[in-house]
Amino acid sequence: VAAGVIASNNAAFSDNVDNNNWNGITAAGVANGNPAGSPQNNWAFTYGGDYIITADAANRIITAINVAGTTPVGLNFVQNTVVGSIITGGNLLPVTITAGKSFTLNGNNAVAANHGFDAPADNYTGLGNIVLVGANAALI
């Protein structure tokens, strides 16, 4: 079972707890009111609103992303990032991959319902439009 956080504002993977853009997450999948740092390796995260999130920590491995209940603005990959699953309740997550960076769908891991959602491995039903910006931007 992966640890997890929920975005409470537009956020970045480089945010620390003082930025107040991430909160701890309850078993029901809602913010617990306690500011938290950004998702770390082998964590899951939930969009807590219609936000944009920037993946700006190099080589971060995210087990699952939950976009259910929101209309996410997007996820911008400005560093190489690996994601196991992206799940949805009908809404799709648009992603943008910066030149020279990669977004890898590895299909590994899964998240149990203690984060308010189940994410089976290799489930990308929440993945929306993909924009590749510049040379060598890659979806793997």
C-alpha atoms as a PDB file:
ATOM      1  CA  VAL A   1       0.000   0.000   0.000  1.00  0.00           C
ATOM      2  CA  ALA A   2       1.502   3.297  -1.080  1.00  0.00           C
ATOM      3  CA  ALA A   3       1.576   6.482   0.949  1.00  0.00           C
ATOM      4  CA  GLY A   4      -0.248   9.409  -0.593  1.00  0.00           C
ATOM      5  CA  VAL A   5      -1.160  13.090  -0.611  1.00  0.00           C
ATOM      6  CA  ILE A   6      -3.858  15.285  -2.139  1.00  0.00           C
ATOM      7  CA  ALA A   7      -3.280  18.542  -4.028  1.00  0.00           C
ATOM      8  CA  SER A   8      -5.014  21.484  -2.356  1.00  0.00           C
ATOM      9  CA  ASN A   9      -3.835  24.142  -4.873  1.00  0.00           C
ATOM     10  CA  ASN A  10      -1.824  24.377  -8.056  1.00  0.00           C
ATOM     11  CA  ALA A  11       1.243  22.431  -6.971  1.00  0.00           C
ATOM     12  CA  ALA A  12       4.668  21.081  -7.868  1.00  0.00           C
ATOM     13  CA  PHE A  13       6.623  17.981  -6.927  1.00  0.00           C
ATOM     14  CA  SER A  14       9.294  20.304  -5.502  1.00  0.00           C
ATOM     15  CA  ASP A  15       6.874  21.901  -3.009  1.00  0.00           C
ATOM     16  CA  ASN A  16       7.641  21.459   0.655  1.00  0.00           C
ATOM     17  CA  VAL A  17       5.121  21.467   3.484  1.00  0.00           C
ATOM     18  CA  ASP A  18       5.441  25.261   3.920  1.00  0.00           C
ATOM     19  CA  ASN A  19       4.092  25.853   0.401  1.00  0.00           C
ATOM     20  CA  ASN A  20       0.710  24.531   1.636  1.00  0.00           C
ATOM     21  CA  ASN A  21      -0.149  23.054  -1.770  1.00  0.00           C
ATOM     22  CA  TRP A  22      -0.481  19.449  -0.594  1.00  0.00           C
ATOM     23  CA  ASN A  23      -2.388  17.867   2.306  1.00  0.00           C
ATOM     24  CA  GLY A  24      -2.382  14.492   3.948  1.00  0.00           C
ATOM     25  CA  ILE A  25      -5.183  12.273   2.670  1.00  0.00           C
ATOM     26  CA  THR A  26      -7.791  10.335   4.629  1.00  0.00           C
ATOM     27  CA  ALA A  27      -8.924   6.782   3.982  1.00  0.00           C
ATOM     28  CA  ALA A  28     -11.998   8.323   2.336  1.00  0.00           C
ATOM     29  CA  GLY A  29      -9.793  10.188  -0.162  1.00  0.00           C
ATOM     30  CA  VAL A  30     -10.238  13.739   1.105  1.00  0.00           C
ATOM     31  CA  ALA A  31      -7.767  16.216   2.546  1.00  0.00           C
ATOM     32  CA  ASN A  32      -7.197  15.744   6.265  1.00  0.00           C
ATOM     33  CA  GLY A  33      -6.384  19.428   6.847  1.00  0.00           C
ATOM     34  CA  ASN A  34      -2.734  18.737   7.645  1.00  0.00           C
ATOM     35  CA  PRO A  35      -0.283  20.370   5.216  1.00  0.00           C
ATOM     36  CA  ALA A  36       2.085  17.860   3.661  1.00  0.00           C
ATOM     37  CA  GLY A  37       5.042  17.821   1.344  1.00  0.00           C
ATOM     38  CA  SER A  38       4.750  16.767  -2.262  1.00  0.00           C
ATOM     39  CA  PRO A  39       4.427  13.149  -3.409  1.00  0.00           C
ATOM     40  CA  GLN A  40       7.643  11.201  -2.971  1.00  0.00           C
ATOM     41  CA  ASN A  41       8.901   8.097  -4.754  1.00  0.00           C
ATOM     42  CA  ASN A  42       6.375   5.246  -4.673  1.00  0.00           C
ATOM     43  CA  TRP A  43       3.556   7.483  -3.438  1.00  0.00           C
ATOM     44  CA  ALA A  44       0.148   8.116  -4.982  1.00  0.00           C
ATOM     45  CA  PHE A  45      -1.594  11.464  -5.259  1.00  0.00           C
ATOM     46  CA  THR A  46      -5.083  12.820  -5.822  1.00  0.00           C
ATOM     47  CA  TYR A  47      -6.167  16.005  -7.535  1.00  0.00           C
ATOM     48  CA  GLY A  48      -8.222  17.765  -4.845  1.00  0.00           C
ATOM     49  CA  GLY A  49      -9.558  20.318  -7.320  1.00  0.00           C
ATOM     50  CA  ASP A  50      -9.202  21.694 -10.825  1.00  0.00           C
ATOM     51  CA  TYR A  51      -5.472  22.340 -10.603  1.00  0.00           C
ATOM     52  CA  ILE A  52      -2.301  22.204 -12.631  1.00  0.00           C
ATOM     53  CA  ILE A  53       0.550  20.172 -11.189  1.00  0.00           C
ATOM     54  CA  THR A  54       4.174  20.390 -12.288  1.00  0.00           C
ATOM     55  CA  ALA A  55       6.312  17.250 -12.142  1.00  0.00           C
ATOM     56  CA  ASP A  56       9.604  19.036 -11.489  1.00  0.00           C
ATOM     57  CA  ALA A  57      11.484  16.506  -9.328  1.00  0.00           C
ATOM     58  CA  ALA A  58      13.859  14.401 -11.410  1.00  0.00           C
ATOM     59  CA  ASN A  59      13.074  10.708 -11.836  1.00  0.00           C
ATOM     60  CA  ARG A  60      10.078  10.642  -9.469  1.00  0.00           C
ATOM     61  CA  ILE A  61       8.131   7.370  -9.444  1.00  0.00           C
ATOM     62  CA  ILE A  62       4.399   7.803  -8.756  1.00  0.00           C
ATOM     63  CA  THR A  63       2.358   4.648  -8.146  1.00  0.00           C
ATOM     64  CA  ALA A  64      -1.015   6.173  -9.080  1.00  0.00           C
ATOM     65  CA  ILE A  65      -2.782   9.450  -9.831  1.00  0.00           C
ATOM     66  CA  ASN A  66      -6.492   9.944  -9.082  1.00  0.00           C
ATOM     67  CA  VAL A  67      -8.411  12.614 -11.021  1.00  0.00           C
ATOM     68  CA  ALA A  68     -11.942  11.489 -10.070  1.00  0.00           C
ATOM     69  CA  GLY A  69     -14.263  14.268  -8.956  1.00  0.00           C
ATOM     70  CA  THR A  70     -12.230  17.033 -10.633  1.00  0.00           C
ATOM     71  CA  THR A  71     -11.611  18.531 -14.023  1.00  0.00           C
ATOM     72  CA  PRO A  72      -7.831  18.731 -13.795  1.00  0.00           C
ATOM     73  CA  VAL A  73      -6.168  21.559 -15.720  1.00  0.00           C
ATOM     74  CA  GLY A  74      -3.133  19.412 -16.404  1.00  0.00           C
ATOM     75  CA  LEU A  75       0.089  17.735 -15.395  1.00  0.00           C
ATOM     76  CA  ASN A  76       3.279  19.257 -16.794  1.00  0.00           C
ATOM     77  CA  PHE A  77       6.331  17.018 -16.977  1.00  0.00           C
ATOM     78  CA  VAL A  78       9.470  19.153 -16.782  1.00  0.00           C
ATOM     79  CA  GLN A  79      11.523  16.263 -15.372  1.00  0.00           C
ATOM     80  CA  ASN A  80      11.540  12.554 -16.220  1.00  0.00           C
ATOM     81  CA  THR A  81       8.689  10.877 -14.333  1.00  0.00           C
ATOM     82  CA  VAL A  82       7.286   7.341 -14.073  1.00  0.00           C
ATOM     83  CA  VAL A  83       3.594   6.633 -13.311  1.00  0.00           C
ATOM     84  CA  GLY A  84       1.951   3.271 -12.550  1.00  0.00           C
ATOM     85  CA  SER A  85      -1.745   4.176 -13.092  1.00  0.00           C
ATOM     86  CA  ILE A  86      -4.013   7.166 -13.746  1.00  0.00           C
ATOM     87  CA  ILE A  87      -7.607   6.577 -12.721  1.00  0.00           C
ATOM     88  CA  THR A  88     -10.742   8.631 -13.142  1.00  0.00           C
ATOM     89  CA  GLY A  89     -14.422   8.924 -12.468  1.00  0.00           C
ATOM     90  CA  GLY A  90     -14.902  10.124 -16.046  1.00  0.00           C
ATOM     91  CA  ASN A  91     -12.591  13.140 -16.189  1.00  0.00           C
ATOM     92  CA  LEU A  92      -9.315  12.978 -18.092  1.00  0.00           C
ATOM     93  CA  LEU A  93      -5.897  14.342 -17.165  1.00  0.00           C
ATOM     94  CA  PRO A  94      -4.203  16.273 -19.984  1.00  0.00           C
ATOM     95  CA  VAL A  95      -0.413  16.089 -19.871  1.00  0.00           C
ATOM     96  CA  THR A  96       2.387  18.140 -21.392  1.00  0.00           C
ATOM     97  CA  ILE A  97       5.898  16.742 -21.731  1.00  0.00           C
ATOM     98  CA  THR A  98       8.768  19.243 -22.015  1.00  0.00           C
ATOM     99  CA  ALA A  99      11.532  18.898 -24.611  1.00  0.00           C
ATOM    100  CA  GLY A 100      14.137  16.331 -23.628  1.00  0.00           C
ATOM    101  CA  LYS A 101      12.010  14.844 -20.819  1.00  0.00           C
ATOM    102  CA  SER A 102       9.968  11.671 -20.579  1.00  0.00           C
ATOM    103  CA  PHE A 103       6.736  10.435 -19.049  1.00  0.00           C
ATOM    104  CA  THR A 104       6.938   6.669 -18.608  1.00  0.00           C
ATOM    105  CA  LEU A 105       3.859   4.481 -18.098  1.00  0.00           C
ATOM    106  CA  ASN A 106       5.314   1.510 -16.251  1.00  0.00           C
ATOM    107  CA  GLY A 107       2.155  -0.345 -15.218  1.00  0.00           C
ATOM    108  CA  ASN A 108       3.695  -1.291 -11.892  1.00  0.00           C
ATOM    109  CA  ASN A 109       2.218  -1.214  -8.427  1.00  0.00           C
ATOM    110  CA  ALA A 110      -1.312  -0.521  -7.345  1.00  0.00           C
ATOM    111  CA  VAL A 111      -3.009   1.464  -4.610  1.00  0.00           C
ATOM    112  CA  ALA A 112      -5.493   0.021  -2.135  1.00  0.00           C
ATOM    113  CA  ALA A 113      -8.657   1.824  -1.087  1.00  0.00           C
ATOM    114  CA  ASN A 114      -7.095   3.444   1.977  1.00  0.00           C
ATOM    115  CA  HIS A 115      -6.542   6.564  -0.165  1.00  0.00           C
ATOM    116  CA  GLY A 116     -10.171   6.815  -1.205  1.00  0.00           C
ATOM    117  CA  PHE A 117      -9.546   5.025  -4.486  1.00  0.00           C
ATOM    118  CA  ASP A 118      -8.373   1.714  -5.859  1.00  0.00           C
ATOM    119  CA  ALA A 119      -5.847   1.834  -8.676  1.00  0.00           C
ATOM    120  CA  PRO A 120      -5.081  -1.460 -10.326  1.00  0.00           C
ATOM    121  CA  ALA A 121      -1.689  -1.703 -11.961  1.00  0.00           C
ATOM    122  CA  ASP A 122      -1.455  -0.634 -15.603  1.00  0.00           C
ATOM    123  CA  ASN A 123      -4.723   1.360 -15.644  1.00  0.00           C
ATOM    124  CA  TYR A 124      -4.546   4.605 -17.632  1.00  0.00           C
ATOM    125  CA  THR A 125      -8.264   5.296 -18.116  1.00  0.00           C
ATOM    126  CA  GLY A 126      -7.724   8.790 -16.683  1.00  0.00           C
ATOM    127  CA  LEU A 127      -5.073   9.823 -19.210  1.00  0.00           C
ATOM    128  CA  GLY A 128      -6.268  12.583 -21.524  1.00  0.00           C
ATOM    129  CA  ASN A 129      -4.621  14.567 -24.300  1.00  0.00           C
ATOM    130  CA  ILE A 130      -0.836  14.336 -24.531  1.00  0.00           C
ATOM    131  CA  VAL A 131       1.218  17.270 -25.812  1.00  0.00           C
ATOM    132  CA  LEU A 132       4.881  16.764 -26.706  1.00  0.00           C
ATOM    133  CA  VAL A 133       6.770  20.076 -26.608  1.00  0.00           C
ATOM    134  CA  GLY A 134      10.003  20.396 -28.564  1.00  0.00           C
ATOM    135  CA  ALA A 135      12.669  17.901 -29.508  1.00  0.00           C
ATOM    136  CA  ASN A 136      12.929  14.548 -27.782  1.00  0.00           C
ATOM    137  CA  ALA A 137       9.879  14.892 -25.522  1.00  0.00           C
ATOM    138  CA  ALA A 138       8.853  11.283 -24.965  1.00  0.00           C
ATOM    139  CA  LEU A 139       5.924   9.171 -23.853  1.00  0.00           C
ATOM    140  CA  ILE A 140       7.294   5.743 -23.008  1.00  0.00           C
END
